[in-house]
């Protein structure tokens, strides 16, 4: 039986990884957005009204509710409902790195990520920050994507305003938010964001979304053997 293909895409926030959805569509692969899982767990913490900095309480809450997260038809499901824009708010973005850096939480989430599509042996493209290094180290294609911090901040700022025209935050606030998240991601002891030597490097600073898509497809077509 043919083993499933895995494409692992890592990189910091607002680096351009959102094109993975279109890449998956073009290739006929399933898409695993690992960040969406951590954002969903952050939403759970907020709704529970526990202190998000109380590591033990957060880990205990997530352990008891991890079964509420599942995948159906290439869609992340939380408590029986598809996860949508409610996890893409500035409030979630400001807090998710605190939740994602908790070692006990990451250890709970790793098996969930690895289980994605495994039963049906789906070919997948997975994006996040530790996909190629921890979740799918056997991935046949690994990509590391980044962009200049100022460009990433502007992209994230525009995303917030597009989703909420009344968004009252400033570009400086978003820039500081991304800087803090980058520091957390690259220095945490559990599954830090790293650039693997075997990963194809893509700097999307001066690239349009279409150019990023074309580059990713080129890499995938060249490296994914049938």
N, C-alpha and C. Protein backbone atom coordinates (compact mmCIF):
# COMPACT_ATOMS: atom_id res chain seq x y z
N UNK A 1 0.84 -1.19 0.00
CA UNK A 1 0.00 0.00 0.00
C UNK A 1 0.88 1.25 0.00
N UNK A 2 0.54 2.21 -0.82
CA UNK A 2 1.31 3.44 -0.93
C UNK A 2 1.22 4.24 0.36
N UNK A 3 2.39 4.68 0.88
CA UNK A 3 2.39 5.52 2.05
C UNK A 3 1.92 6.92 1.68
N UNK A 4 1.28 7.57 2.64
CA UNK A 4 0.78 8.91 2.36
C UNK A 4 1.92 9.90 2.27
N UNK A 5 1.75 10.90 1.43
CA UNK A 5 2.73 11.97 1.31
C UNK A 5 2.41 13.05 2.34
N UNK A 6 3.44 13.61 2.93
CA UNK A 6 3.28 14.70 3.88
C UNK A 6 4.18 15.86 3.45
N UNK A 7 3.58 17.03 3.36
CA UNK A 7 4.31 18.26 3.09
C UNK A 7 4.26 19.09 4.37
N UNK A 8 5.42 19.40 4.93
CA UNK A 8 5.50 20.15 6.19
C UNK A 8 5.95 21.57 5.91
N UNK A 9 5.15 22.52 6.35
CA UNK A 9 5.45 23.94 6.13
C UNK A 9 5.52 24.64 7.48
N UNK A 10 6.68 25.15 7.81
CA UNK A 10 6.88 25.86 9.08
C UNK A 10 7.25 27.31 8.83
N UNK A 11 7.03 28.13 9.86
CA UNK A 11 7.40 29.53 9.77
C UNK A 11 6.64 30.36 10.77
N UNK A 12 7.06 31.58 10.99
CA UNK A 12 6.40 32.46 11.96
C UNK A 12 5.05 32.96 11.45
N UNK A 13 4.32 33.65 12.32
CA UNK A 13 3.01 34.17 11.95
C UNK A 13 3.08 35.19 10.84
N UNK A 14 2.05 35.17 9.97
CA UNK A 14 1.91 36.13 8.88
C UNK A 14 3.06 36.07 7.88
N UNK A 15 3.68 34.90 7.77
CA UNK A 15 4.78 34.73 6.82
C UNK A 15 4.30 34.38 5.43
N UNK A 16 3.02 34.02 5.31
CA UNK A 16 2.47 33.65 4.02
C UNK A 16 1.98 32.22 3.96
N UNK A 17 1.94 31.54 5.11
CA UNK A 17 1.55 30.14 5.13
C UNK A 17 0.08 29.91 4.80
N UNK A 18 -0.71 30.98 4.75
CA UNK A 18 -2.13 30.82 4.44
C UNK A 18 -2.36 30.25 3.04
N UNK A 19 -1.35 30.34 2.17
CA UNK A 19 -1.50 29.79 0.83
C UNK A 19 -1.53 28.26 0.84
N UNK A 20 -1.20 27.67 2.00
CA UNK A 20 -1.21 26.21 2.09
C UNK A 20 -2.59 25.65 1.76
N UNK A 21 -3.63 26.40 2.08
CA UNK A 21 -4.99 25.93 1.78
C UNK A 21 -5.18 25.76 0.27
N UNK A 22 -4.67 26.71 -0.49
CA UNK A 22 -4.80 26.62 -1.95
C UNK A 22 -3.87 25.56 -2.52
N UNK A 23 -2.69 25.42 -1.94
CA UNK A 23 -1.77 24.37 -2.37
C UNK A 23 -2.41 23.00 -2.17
N UNK A 24 -3.02 22.81 -1.01
CA UNK A 24 -3.68 21.54 -0.72
C UNK A 24 -4.79 21.27 -1.74
N UNK A 25 -5.54 22.31 -2.05
CA UNK A 25 -6.63 22.17 -3.02
C UNK A 25 -6.09 21.78 -4.39
N UNK A 26 -5.01 22.42 -4.82
CA UNK A 26 -4.43 22.13 -6.13
C UNK A 26 -3.89 20.71 -6.21
N UNK A 27 -3.29 20.25 -5.11
CA UNK A 27 -2.67 18.92 -5.10
C UNK A 27 -3.66 17.81 -4.77
N UNK A 28 -4.83 18.20 -4.26
CA UNK A 28 -5.79 17.19 -3.83
C UNK A 28 -5.42 16.59 -2.49
N UNK A 29 -4.70 17.35 -1.67
CA UNK A 29 -4.28 16.92 -0.34
C UNK A 29 -5.24 17.47 0.71
N UNK A 30 -5.22 16.86 1.89
CA UNK A 30 -5.93 17.41 3.04
C UNK A 30 -5.02 18.44 3.70
N UNK A 31 -5.63 19.43 4.37
CA UNK A 31 -4.88 20.50 5.01
C UNK A 31 -4.98 20.40 6.53
N UNK A 32 -3.83 20.38 7.20
CA UNK A 32 -3.79 20.43 8.66
C UNK A 32 -3.19 21.77 9.06
N UNK A 33 -4.01 22.63 9.64
CA UNK A 33 -3.57 23.92 10.16
C UNK A 33 -3.35 23.75 11.66
N UNK A 34 -2.11 23.49 12.05
CA UNK A 34 -1.84 23.21 13.46
C UNK A 34 -2.11 24.42 14.33
N UNK A 35 -1.90 25.61 13.79
CA UNK A 35 -2.16 26.82 14.56
C UNK A 35 -3.62 26.93 14.95
N UNK A 36 -4.50 26.44 14.07
CA UNK A 36 -5.93 26.50 14.37
C UNK A 36 -6.28 25.66 15.59
N UNK A 37 -5.53 24.57 15.78
CA UNK A 37 -5.77 23.72 16.96
C UNK A 37 -5.43 24.49 18.23
N UNK A 38 -4.27 25.14 18.25
CA UNK A 38 -3.88 25.90 19.43
C UNK A 38 -4.79 27.11 19.65
N UNK A 39 -5.26 27.70 18.56
CA UNK A 39 -6.19 28.82 18.70
C UNK A 39 -7.53 28.34 19.28
N UNK A 40 -7.95 27.16 18.86
CA UNK A 40 -9.19 26.59 19.39
C UNK A 40 -9.06 26.30 20.88
N UNK A 41 -7.92 25.79 21.28
CA UNK A 41 -7.68 25.53 22.70
C UNK A 41 -7.63 26.83 23.48
N UNK A 42 -7.09 27.87 22.87
CA UNK A 42 -7.07 29.19 23.52
C UNK A 42 -8.48 29.71 23.71
N UNK A 43 -9.33 29.50 22.71
CA UNK A 43 -10.74 29.89 22.83
C UNK A 43 -11.40 29.13 23.98
N UNK A 44 -11.07 27.86 24.11
CA UNK A 44 -11.60 27.05 25.22
C UNK A 44 -11.19 27.65 26.56
N UNK A 45 -9.93 28.04 26.69
CA UNK A 45 -9.43 28.63 27.93
C UNK A 45 -10.16 29.93 28.24
N UNK A 46 -10.35 30.77 27.23
CA UNK A 46 -11.03 32.03 27.44
C UNK A 46 -12.47 31.82 27.88
N UNK A 47 -13.14 30.88 27.25
CA UNK A 47 -14.53 30.62 27.60
C UNK A 47 -14.67 30.02 29.00
N UNK A 48 -13.63 29.33 29.45
CA UNK A 48 -13.68 28.71 30.77
C UNK A 48 -13.47 29.73 31.89
N UNK A 49 -12.89 30.88 31.51
CA UNK A 49 -12.62 31.98 32.45
C UNK A 49 -11.59 31.61 33.52
N UNK A 50 -10.75 30.63 33.24
CA UNK A 50 -9.64 30.36 34.16
C UNK A 50 -8.48 31.27 33.79
N UNK A 51 -7.53 31.40 34.69
CA UNK A 51 -6.36 32.22 34.44
C UNK A 51 -5.50 31.55 33.36
N UNK A 52 -5.35 32.18 32.20
CA UNK A 52 -4.57 31.54 31.12
C UNK A 52 -3.09 31.35 31.46
N UNK A 53 -2.62 32.01 32.52
CA UNK A 53 -1.22 31.88 32.92
C UNK A 53 -1.04 30.85 34.03
N UNK A 54 -2.15 30.25 34.45
CA UNK A 54 -2.10 29.16 35.42
C UNK A 54 -1.85 27.86 34.65
N UNK A 55 -0.59 27.51 34.49
CA UNK A 55 -0.18 26.42 33.61
C UNK A 55 -0.86 25.11 33.95
N UNK A 56 -0.91 24.76 35.21
CA UNK A 56 -1.49 23.49 35.61
C UNK A 56 -2.98 23.43 35.32
N UNK A 57 -3.69 24.52 35.61
CA UNK A 57 -5.14 24.55 35.35
C UNK A 57 -5.43 24.49 33.86
N UNK A 58 -4.63 25.20 33.07
CA UNK A 58 -4.82 25.18 31.62
C UNK A 58 -4.59 23.78 31.06
N UNK A 59 -3.50 23.15 31.48
CA UNK A 59 -3.20 21.80 31.00
C UNK A 59 -4.30 20.81 31.40
N UNK A 60 -4.80 20.95 32.62
CA UNK A 60 -5.85 20.06 33.10
C UNK A 60 -7.14 20.27 32.30
N UNK A 61 -7.48 21.52 32.05
CA UNK A 61 -8.68 21.84 31.27
C UNK A 61 -8.60 21.25 29.87
N UNK A 62 -7.45 21.43 29.23
CA UNK A 62 -7.27 20.94 27.86
C UNK A 62 -7.28 19.42 27.81
N UNK A 63 -6.65 18.79 28.78
CA UNK A 63 -6.64 17.32 28.83
C UNK A 63 -8.07 16.77 28.93
N UNK A 64 -8.90 17.43 29.70
CA UNK A 64 -10.29 16.97 29.89
C UNK A 64 -11.17 17.25 28.68
N UNK A 65 -10.74 18.21 27.83
CA UNK A 65 -11.60 18.61 26.71
C UNK A 65 -11.01 18.33 25.33
N UNK A 66 -9.85 17.67 25.29
CA UNK A 66 -9.22 17.43 24.00
C UNK A 66 -10.09 16.57 23.10
N UNK A 67 -10.91 15.71 23.71
CA UNK A 67 -11.81 14.87 22.93
C UNK A 67 -12.88 15.64 22.20
N UNK A 68 -13.04 16.93 22.53
CA UNK A 68 -14.03 17.77 21.85
C UNK A 68 -13.53 18.24 20.49
N UNK A 69 -12.22 18.01 20.22
CA UNK A 69 -11.64 18.41 18.94
C UNK A 69 -11.52 17.20 18.04
N UNK A 70 -12.00 17.34 16.82
CA UNK A 70 -11.93 16.25 15.86
C UNK A 70 -11.80 16.84 14.45
N UNK A 71 -11.65 15.98 13.47
CA UNK A 71 -11.56 16.40 12.08
C UNK A 71 -12.63 15.66 11.28
N UNK A 72 -13.32 16.40 10.43
CA UNK A 72 -14.31 15.78 9.56
C UNK A 72 -14.34 16.51 8.24
N UNK A 73 -14.19 15.75 7.17
CA UNK A 73 -14.23 16.33 5.83
C UNK A 73 -13.25 17.50 5.70
N UNK A 74 -12.02 17.26 6.19
CA UNK A 74 -10.95 18.27 6.09
C UNK A 74 -11.28 19.54 6.86
N UNK A 75 -12.07 19.41 7.91
CA UNK A 75 -12.50 20.56 8.69
C UNK A 75 -12.27 20.30 10.18
N UNK A 76 -11.72 21.29 10.87
CA UNK A 76 -11.53 21.19 12.32
C UNK A 76 -12.87 21.39 13.01
N UNK A 77 -13.22 20.45 13.89
CA UNK A 77 -14.50 20.49 14.60
C UNK A 77 -14.23 20.64 16.09
N UNK A 78 -14.95 21.55 16.72
CA UNK A 78 -14.83 21.76 18.16
C UNK A 78 -16.22 21.72 18.79
N UNK A 79 -16.40 20.77 19.68
CA UNK A 79 -17.70 20.58 20.35
C UNK A 79 -18.83 20.43 19.34
N UNK A 80 -18.55 19.69 18.28
CA UNK A 80 -19.58 19.39 17.28
C UNK A 80 -19.81 20.47 16.24
N UNK A 81 -19.08 21.58 16.32
CA UNK A 81 -19.27 22.69 15.38
C UNK A 81 -17.98 23.01 14.63
N UNK A 82 -18.07 23.34 13.34
CA UNK A 82 -16.88 23.72 12.58
C UNK A 82 -16.23 24.97 13.20
N UNK A 83 -14.92 24.98 13.24
CA UNK A 83 -14.18 26.12 13.76
C UNK A 83 -14.03 27.15 12.65
N UNK A 84 -14.41 28.39 12.94
CA UNK A 84 -14.36 29.42 11.90
C UNK A 84 -13.61 30.65 12.41
N UNK A 85 -14.08 31.83 12.06
CA UNK A 85 -13.33 33.06 12.33
C UNK A 85 -13.25 33.43 13.80
N UNK A 86 -14.00 32.75 14.67
CA UNK A 86 -13.95 33.10 16.09
C UNK A 86 -12.58 32.85 16.71
N UNK A 87 -11.73 32.07 16.03
CA UNK A 87 -10.39 31.82 16.56
C UNK A 87 -9.35 32.75 15.94
N UNK A 88 -9.78 33.68 15.10
CA UNK A 88 -8.84 34.56 14.40
C UNK A 88 -8.89 35.99 14.92
N UNK A 89 -9.40 36.19 16.12
CA UNK A 89 -9.52 37.53 16.68
C UNK A 89 -8.20 37.99 17.29
N UNK A 90 -8.02 39.31 17.43
CA UNK A 90 -6.82 39.82 18.08
C UNK A 90 -6.65 39.28 19.51
N UNK A 91 -7.75 39.09 20.21
CA UNK A 91 -7.69 38.56 21.58
C UNK A 91 -7.06 37.17 21.60
N UNK A 92 -7.48 36.32 20.66
CA UNK A 92 -6.90 34.98 20.56
C UNK A 92 -5.44 35.06 20.16
N UNK A 93 -5.13 35.92 19.19
CA UNK A 93 -3.75 36.05 18.71
C UNK A 93 -2.80 36.50 19.81
N UNK A 94 -3.29 37.36 20.70
CA UNK A 94 -2.45 37.88 21.77
C UNK A 94 -2.17 36.84 22.85
N UNK A 95 -3.02 35.83 22.94
CA UNK A 95 -2.91 34.86 24.03
C UNK A 95 -2.41 33.49 23.60
N UNK A 96 -2.57 33.16 22.33
CA UNK A 96 -2.31 31.78 21.90
C UNK A 96 -0.88 31.33 22.18
N UNK A 97 0.09 32.25 22.10
CA UNK A 97 1.47 31.81 22.33
C UNK A 97 1.70 31.40 23.78
N UNK A 98 0.93 31.97 24.71
CA UNK A 98 1.05 31.54 26.10
C UNK A 98 0.57 30.10 26.28
N UNK A 99 -0.48 29.76 25.55
CA UNK A 99 -1.04 28.41 25.64
C UNK A 99 -0.14 27.42 24.90
N UNK A 100 0.31 27.82 23.71
CA UNK A 100 1.08 26.91 22.86
C UNK A 100 2.45 26.57 23.43
N UNK A 101 2.99 27.40 24.31
CA UNK A 101 4.33 27.14 24.82
C UNK A 101 4.32 26.20 26.03
N UNK A 102 3.15 25.86 26.56
CA UNK A 102 3.08 24.99 27.73
C UNK A 102 3.45 23.57 27.31
N UNK A 103 4.53 23.00 27.85
CA UNK A 103 4.98 21.67 27.43
C UNK A 103 3.90 20.60 27.55
N UNK A 104 3.14 20.61 28.64
CA UNK A 104 2.10 19.60 28.84
C UNK A 104 1.02 19.70 27.77
N UNK A 105 0.73 20.91 27.32
CA UNK A 105 -0.26 21.11 26.27
C UNK A 105 0.26 20.58 24.94
N UNK A 106 1.49 20.89 24.62
CA UNK A 106 2.07 20.44 23.36
C UNK A 106 2.12 18.91 23.30
N UNK A 107 2.44 18.28 24.43
CA UNK A 107 2.49 16.82 24.45
C UNK A 107 1.11 16.21 24.22
N UNK A 108 0.07 16.92 24.64
CA UNK A 108 -1.30 16.44 24.41
C UNK A 108 -1.70 16.61 22.95
N UNK A 109 -1.24 17.69 22.34
CA UNK A 109 -1.67 18.03 20.98
C UNK A 109 -0.94 17.22 19.91
N UNK A 110 0.31 16.85 20.16
CA UNK A 110 1.10 16.13 19.15
C UNK A 110 0.39 14.88 18.62
N UNK A 111 -0.11 13.98 19.49
CA UNK A 111 -0.82 12.80 18.96
C UNK A 111 -2.05 13.15 18.13
N UNK A 112 -2.73 14.23 18.53
CA UNK A 112 -3.91 14.67 17.77
C UNK A 112 -3.49 15.10 16.36
N UNK A 113 -2.41 15.85 16.27
CA UNK A 113 -1.93 16.30 14.96
C UNK A 113 -1.49 15.11 14.09
N UNK A 114 -0.78 14.19 14.70
CA UNK A 114 -0.28 13.03 13.94
C UNK A 114 -1.41 12.14 13.48
N UNK A 115 -2.54 12.17 14.20
CA UNK A 115 -3.67 11.31 13.83
C UNK A 115 -4.45 11.85 12.64
N UNK A 116 -4.19 13.11 12.28
CA UNK A 116 -4.95 13.74 11.20
C UNK A 116 -4.79 12.97 9.89
N UNK A 117 -5.86 12.43 9.40
CA UNK A 117 -5.86 11.73 8.13
C UNK A 117 -5.18 10.38 8.12
N UNK A 118 -4.64 9.95 9.28
CA UNK A 118 -3.88 8.71 9.31
C UNK A 118 -4.74 7.50 9.00
N UNK A 119 -5.94 7.47 9.55
CA UNK A 119 -6.81 6.31 9.36
C UNK A 119 -7.17 6.10 7.90
N UNK A 120 -7.37 7.22 7.19
CA UNK A 120 -7.72 7.13 5.77
C UNK A 120 -6.50 7.24 4.86
N UNK A 121 -5.30 7.32 5.48
CA UNK A 121 -4.04 7.42 4.74
C UNK A 121 -4.10 8.58 3.73
N UNK A 122 -4.57 9.72 4.22
CA UNK A 122 -4.68 10.89 3.37
C UNK A 122 -3.31 11.52 3.13
N UNK A 123 -3.05 11.96 1.90
CA UNK A 123 -1.90 12.81 1.64
C UNK A 123 -2.24 14.17 2.25
N UNK A 124 -1.28 14.78 2.97
CA UNK A 124 -1.60 16.02 3.66
C UNK A 124 -0.51 17.06 3.49
N UNK A 125 -0.92 18.32 3.61
CA UNK A 125 0.00 19.43 3.78
C UNK A 125 -0.31 20.01 5.15
N UNK A 126 0.70 20.06 6.00
CA UNK A 126 0.52 20.53 7.37
C UNK A 126 1.37 21.77 7.59
N UNK A 127 0.78 22.77 8.21
CA UNK A 127 1.54 24.00 8.45
C UNK A 127 1.49 24.40 9.90
N UNK A 128 2.62 24.96 10.37
CA UNK A 128 2.72 25.35 11.76
C UNK A 128 4.10 25.87 12.08
N UNK A 129 4.62 25.45 13.23
CA UNK A 129 5.93 25.91 13.67
C UNK A 129 6.87 24.76 14.02
N UNK A 130 6.33 23.58 14.23
CA UNK A 130 7.19 22.42 14.55
C UNK A 130 6.77 21.20 13.73
N UNK A 131 6.22 21.44 12.56
CA UNK A 131 5.69 20.35 11.75
C UNK A 131 6.81 19.44 11.24
N UNK A 132 7.80 20.03 10.61
CA UNK A 132 8.88 19.23 10.04
C UNK A 132 9.84 18.69 11.07
N UNK A 133 9.97 19.38 12.21
CA UNK A 133 10.94 18.97 13.21
C UNK A 133 10.38 17.98 14.22
N UNK A 134 9.09 18.06 14.54
CA UNK A 134 8.51 17.25 15.60
C UNK A 134 7.32 16.41 15.15
N UNK A 135 6.35 17.04 14.50
CA UNK A 135 5.09 16.35 14.20
C UNK A 135 5.29 15.32 13.08
N UNK A 136 5.87 15.76 11.97
CA UNK A 136 6.10 14.86 10.83
C UNK A 136 7.56 14.96 10.37
N UNK A 137 8.49 14.48 11.19
CA UNK A 137 9.91 14.54 10.79
C UNK A 137 10.20 13.70 9.56
N UNK A 138 9.28 12.78 9.25
CA UNK A 138 9.46 11.92 8.07
C UNK A 138 8.90 12.56 6.80
N UNK A 139 8.38 13.78 6.89
CA UNK A 139 7.77 14.44 5.73
C UNK A 139 8.72 14.43 4.54
N UNK A 140 8.16 14.15 3.38
CA UNK A 140 8.99 14.04 2.18
C UNK A 140 9.30 15.40 1.57
N UNK A 141 8.53 16.42 1.96
CA UNK A 141 8.80 17.79 1.54
C UNK A 141 8.74 18.67 2.78
N UNK A 142 9.78 19.47 3.00
CA UNK A 142 9.79 20.40 4.11
C UNK A 142 10.09 21.80 3.59
N UNK A 143 9.30 22.75 4.05
CA UNK A 143 9.44 24.14 3.61
C UNK A 143 9.49 25.03 4.85
N UNK A 144 10.39 26.00 4.84
CA UNK A 144 10.42 27.02 5.89
C UNK A 144 10.13 28.36 5.23
N UNK A 145 9.07 29.01 5.69
CA UNK A 145 8.64 30.26 5.08
C UNK A 145 8.73 31.40 6.09
N UNK A 146 9.25 32.52 5.65
CA UNK A 146 9.32 33.68 6.52
C UNK A 146 9.19 34.95 5.67
N UNK A 147 9.24 36.09 6.35
CA UNK A 147 9.19 37.39 5.68
C UNK A 147 9.70 38.43 6.66
N UNK A 148 10.03 39.57 6.15
CA UNK A 148 10.50 40.67 7.01
C UNK A 148 9.45 40.98 8.07
N UNK A 149 9.86 41.17 9.33
CA UNK A 149 8.90 41.43 10.40
C UNK A 149 7.95 42.59 10.15
N UNK A 150 8.44 43.66 9.52
CA UNK A 150 7.56 44.80 9.25
C UNK A 150 6.47 44.44 8.25
N UNK A 151 6.80 43.63 7.27
CA UNK A 151 5.82 43.18 6.29
C UNK A 151 4.81 42.24 6.93
N UNK A 152 5.29 41.36 7.79
CA UNK A 152 4.40 40.43 8.48
C UNK A 152 3.43 41.18 9.37
N UNK A 153 3.92 42.21 10.05
CA UNK A 153 3.04 43.00 10.92
C UNK A 153 1.96 43.71 10.11
N UNK A 154 2.34 44.25 8.97
CA UNK A 154 1.36 44.93 8.12
C UNK A 154 0.32 43.95 7.60
N UNK A 155 0.74 42.76 7.24
CA UNK A 155 -0.20 41.74 6.76
C UNK A 155 -1.19 41.38 7.86
N UNK A 156 -0.70 41.16 9.08
CA UNK A 156 -1.57 40.78 10.18
C UNK A 156 -2.54 41.93 10.54
N UNK A 157 -2.01 43.15 10.50
CA UNK A 157 -2.84 44.33 10.77
C UNK A 157 -3.98 44.42 9.75
N UNK A 158 -3.66 44.21 8.49
CA UNK A 158 -4.68 44.25 7.44
C UNK A 158 -5.70 43.13 7.61
N UNK A 159 -5.23 41.96 8.06
CA UNK A 159 -6.15 40.84 8.31
C UNK A 159 -7.15 41.19 9.40
N UNK A 160 -6.67 41.81 10.46
CA UNK A 160 -7.57 42.20 11.56
C UNK A 160 -8.61 43.20 11.08
N UNK A 161 -8.16 44.19 10.31
CA UNK A 161 -9.10 45.23 9.84
C UNK A 161 -10.09 44.68 8.82
N UNK A 162 -9.63 43.70 8.04
CA UNK A 162 -10.54 43.09 7.07
C UNK A 162 -11.65 42.32 7.77
N UNK A 163 -11.29 41.61 8.84
CA UNK A 163 -12.28 40.83 9.58
C UNK A 163 -13.16 41.72 10.46
N UNK A 164 -12.59 42.83 10.94
CA UNK A 164 -13.33 43.73 11.82
C UNK A 164 -12.97 45.18 11.48
N UNK A 165 -13.80 45.84 10.64
CA UNK A 165 -13.51 47.23 10.25
C UNK A 165 -13.40 48.18 11.44
N UNK A 166 -13.97 47.78 12.59
CA UNK A 166 -13.91 48.63 13.79
C UNK A 166 -12.69 48.31 14.66
N UNK A 167 -11.81 47.48 14.17
CA UNK A 167 -10.62 47.10 14.95
C UNK A 167 -9.87 48.35 15.38
N UNK A 168 -9.62 48.48 16.69
CA UNK A 168 -9.04 49.71 17.24
C UNK A 168 -7.55 49.61 17.51
N UNK A 169 -6.95 48.48 17.22
CA UNK A 169 -5.52 48.32 17.47
C UNK A 169 -4.68 49.12 16.49
N UNK A 170 -3.41 49.26 16.80
CA UNK A 170 -2.49 49.99 15.94
C UNK A 170 -1.48 49.03 15.33
N UNK A 171 -0.82 49.51 14.29
CA UNK A 171 0.21 48.70 13.64
C UNK A 171 1.35 48.40 14.61
N UNK A 172 1.69 49.35 15.45
CA UNK A 172 2.74 49.12 16.44
C UNK A 172 2.36 48.01 17.41
N UNK A 173 1.11 47.98 17.83
CA UNK A 173 0.64 46.93 18.72
C UNK A 173 0.77 45.56 18.07
N UNK A 174 0.39 45.48 16.81
CA UNK A 174 0.49 44.22 16.08
C UNK A 174 1.95 43.82 15.91
N UNK A 175 2.79 44.79 15.63
CA UNK A 175 4.22 44.51 15.47
C UNK A 175 4.80 43.95 16.78
N UNK A 176 4.43 44.55 17.90
CA UNK A 176 4.91 44.08 19.20
C UNK A 176 4.36 42.69 19.52
N UNK A 177 3.12 42.45 19.13
CA UNK A 177 2.50 41.14 19.34
C UNK A 177 3.26 40.06 18.59
N UNK A 178 3.60 40.33 17.33
CA UNK A 178 4.34 39.35 16.53
C UNK A 178 5.76 39.16 17.06
N UNK A 179 6.37 40.24 17.51
CA UNK A 179 7.72 40.15 18.06
C UNK A 179 7.73 39.25 19.30
N UNK A 180 6.73 39.43 20.15
CA UNK A 180 6.63 38.61 21.36
C UNK A 180 6.40 37.15 21.00
N UNK A 181 5.54 36.91 20.01
CA UNK A 181 5.25 35.54 19.59
C UNK A 181 6.50 34.89 18.99
N UNK A 182 7.25 35.64 18.20
CA UNK A 182 8.48 35.10 17.61
C UNK A 182 9.46 34.68 18.70
N UNK A 183 9.58 35.52 19.73
CA UNK A 183 10.49 35.22 20.82
C UNK A 183 10.06 33.95 21.55
N UNK A 184 8.76 33.84 21.81
CA UNK A 184 8.24 32.64 22.47
C UNK A 184 8.49 31.40 21.62
N UNK A 185 8.20 31.51 20.33
CA UNK A 185 8.30 30.36 19.43
C UNK A 185 9.72 29.84 19.28
N UNK A 186 10.67 30.75 19.21
CA UNK A 186 12.05 30.35 18.92
C UNK A 186 12.86 30.00 20.17
N UNK A 187 12.38 30.37 21.35
CA UNK A 187 13.15 30.12 22.57
C UNK A 187 12.51 29.11 23.51
N UNK A 188 11.27 28.70 23.25
CA UNK A 188 10.64 27.75 24.17
C UNK A 188 11.40 26.43 24.15
N UNK A 189 11.49 25.76 25.30
CA UNK A 189 12.23 24.50 25.36
C UNK A 189 11.53 23.36 24.65
N UNK A 190 10.21 23.43 24.55
CA UNK A 190 9.43 22.36 23.93
C UNK A 190 9.09 22.71 22.49
N UNK A 191 9.64 21.99 21.52
CA UNK A 191 9.32 22.14 20.10
C UNK A 191 9.45 23.57 19.59
N UNK A 192 10.63 24.17 19.69
CA UNK A 192 10.79 25.54 19.20
C UNK A 192 10.72 25.62 17.68
N UNK A 193 10.44 26.81 17.21
CA UNK A 193 10.45 27.07 15.77
C UNK A 193 11.90 27.13 15.31
N UNK A 194 12.28 26.23 14.40
CA UNK A 194 13.63 26.22 13.86
C UNK A 194 13.57 26.01 12.35
N UNK A 195 14.63 26.45 11.71
CA UNK A 195 14.75 26.21 10.27
C UNK A 195 15.63 25.00 10.08
N UNK A 196 15.06 23.93 9.58
CA UNK A 196 15.80 22.69 9.35
C UNK A 196 16.69 22.83 8.11
N UNK A 197 17.87 22.24 8.14
CA UNK A 197 18.78 22.37 6.99
C UNK A 197 18.21 21.78 5.71
N UNK A 198 17.35 20.77 5.84
CA UNK A 198 16.78 20.13 4.64
C UNK A 198 15.55 20.84 4.09
N UNK A 199 15.07 21.85 4.82
CA UNK A 199 13.84 22.54 4.40
C UNK A 199 14.14 23.55 3.29
N UNK A 200 13.26 23.62 2.31
CA UNK A 200 13.36 24.64 1.26
C UNK A 200 12.97 25.99 1.87
N UNK A 201 13.83 26.98 1.71
CA UNK A 201 13.61 28.30 2.31
C UNK A 201 12.87 29.20 1.33
N UNK A 202 11.76 29.81 1.81
CA UNK A 202 11.00 30.76 1.00
C UNK A 202 10.85 32.05 1.78
N UNK A 203 11.38 33.14 1.25
CA UNK A 203 11.22 34.47 1.84
C UNK A 203 10.14 35.19 1.03
N UNK A 204 8.99 35.39 1.64
CA UNK A 204 7.85 35.95 0.91
C UNK A 204 7.74 37.47 1.01
N UNK A 205 8.80 38.12 1.53
CA UNK A 205 8.75 39.57 1.78
C UNK A 205 8.29 40.35 0.56
N UNK A 206 8.88 40.07 -0.57
CA UNK A 206 8.58 40.84 -1.78
C UNK A 206 7.77 40.02 -2.79
N UNK A 207 7.10 38.99 -2.31
CA UNK A 207 6.33 38.13 -3.19
C UNK A 207 4.83 38.38 -3.01
N UNK A 208 4.11 38.31 -4.11
CA UNK A 208 2.65 38.36 -4.03
C UNK A 208 2.15 37.00 -3.57
N UNK A 209 0.89 36.95 -3.20
CA UNK A 209 0.30 35.68 -2.78
C UNK A 209 0.37 34.67 -3.91
N UNK A 210 0.15 35.11 -5.13
CA UNK A 210 0.21 34.21 -6.28
C UNK A 210 1.62 33.68 -6.49
N UNK A 211 2.62 34.54 -6.28
CA UNK A 211 4.01 34.11 -6.44
C UNK A 211 4.41 33.08 -5.38
N UNK A 212 3.91 33.28 -4.15
CA UNK A 212 4.18 32.31 -3.09
C UNK A 212 3.53 30.97 -3.45
N UNK A 213 2.30 31.04 -3.92
CA UNK A 213 1.59 29.83 -4.32
C UNK A 213 2.34 29.10 -5.43
N UNK A 214 2.77 29.83 -6.45
CA UNK A 214 3.49 29.22 -7.56
C UNK A 214 4.79 28.58 -7.10
N UNK A 215 5.50 29.26 -6.20
CA UNK A 215 6.77 28.72 -5.71
C UNK A 215 6.54 27.44 -4.92
N UNK A 216 5.53 27.44 -4.06
CA UNK A 216 5.25 26.25 -3.26
C UNK A 216 4.85 25.07 -4.14
N UNK A 217 4.03 25.34 -5.14
CA UNK A 217 3.62 24.27 -6.05
C UNK A 217 4.82 23.73 -6.82
N UNK A 218 5.71 24.62 -7.22
CA UNK A 218 6.92 24.18 -7.93
C UNK A 218 7.74 23.24 -7.06
N UNK A 219 7.92 23.61 -5.80
CA UNK A 219 8.69 22.78 -4.87
C UNK A 219 8.01 21.43 -4.67
N UNK A 220 6.69 21.48 -4.48
CA UNK A 220 5.95 20.24 -4.21
C UNK A 220 5.95 19.30 -5.41
N UNK A 221 5.77 19.86 -6.59
CA UNK A 221 5.76 19.01 -7.78
C UNK A 221 7.13 18.39 -8.03
N UNK A 222 8.19 19.12 -7.69
CA UNK A 222 9.53 18.60 -7.91
C UNK A 222 9.92 17.54 -6.89
N UNK A 223 9.42 17.67 -5.67
CA UNK A 223 9.91 16.84 -4.58
C UNK A 223 8.98 15.71 -4.16
N UNK A 224 7.70 15.82 -4.49
CA UNK A 224 6.79 14.76 -4.08
C UNK A 224 6.73 13.69 -5.15
N UNK A 225 7.28 12.55 -4.86
CA UNK A 225 7.25 11.44 -5.82
C UNK A 225 5.96 10.66 -5.66
N UNK A 226 5.49 10.10 -6.75
CA UNK A 226 4.26 9.30 -6.72
C UNK A 226 4.65 7.83 -6.52
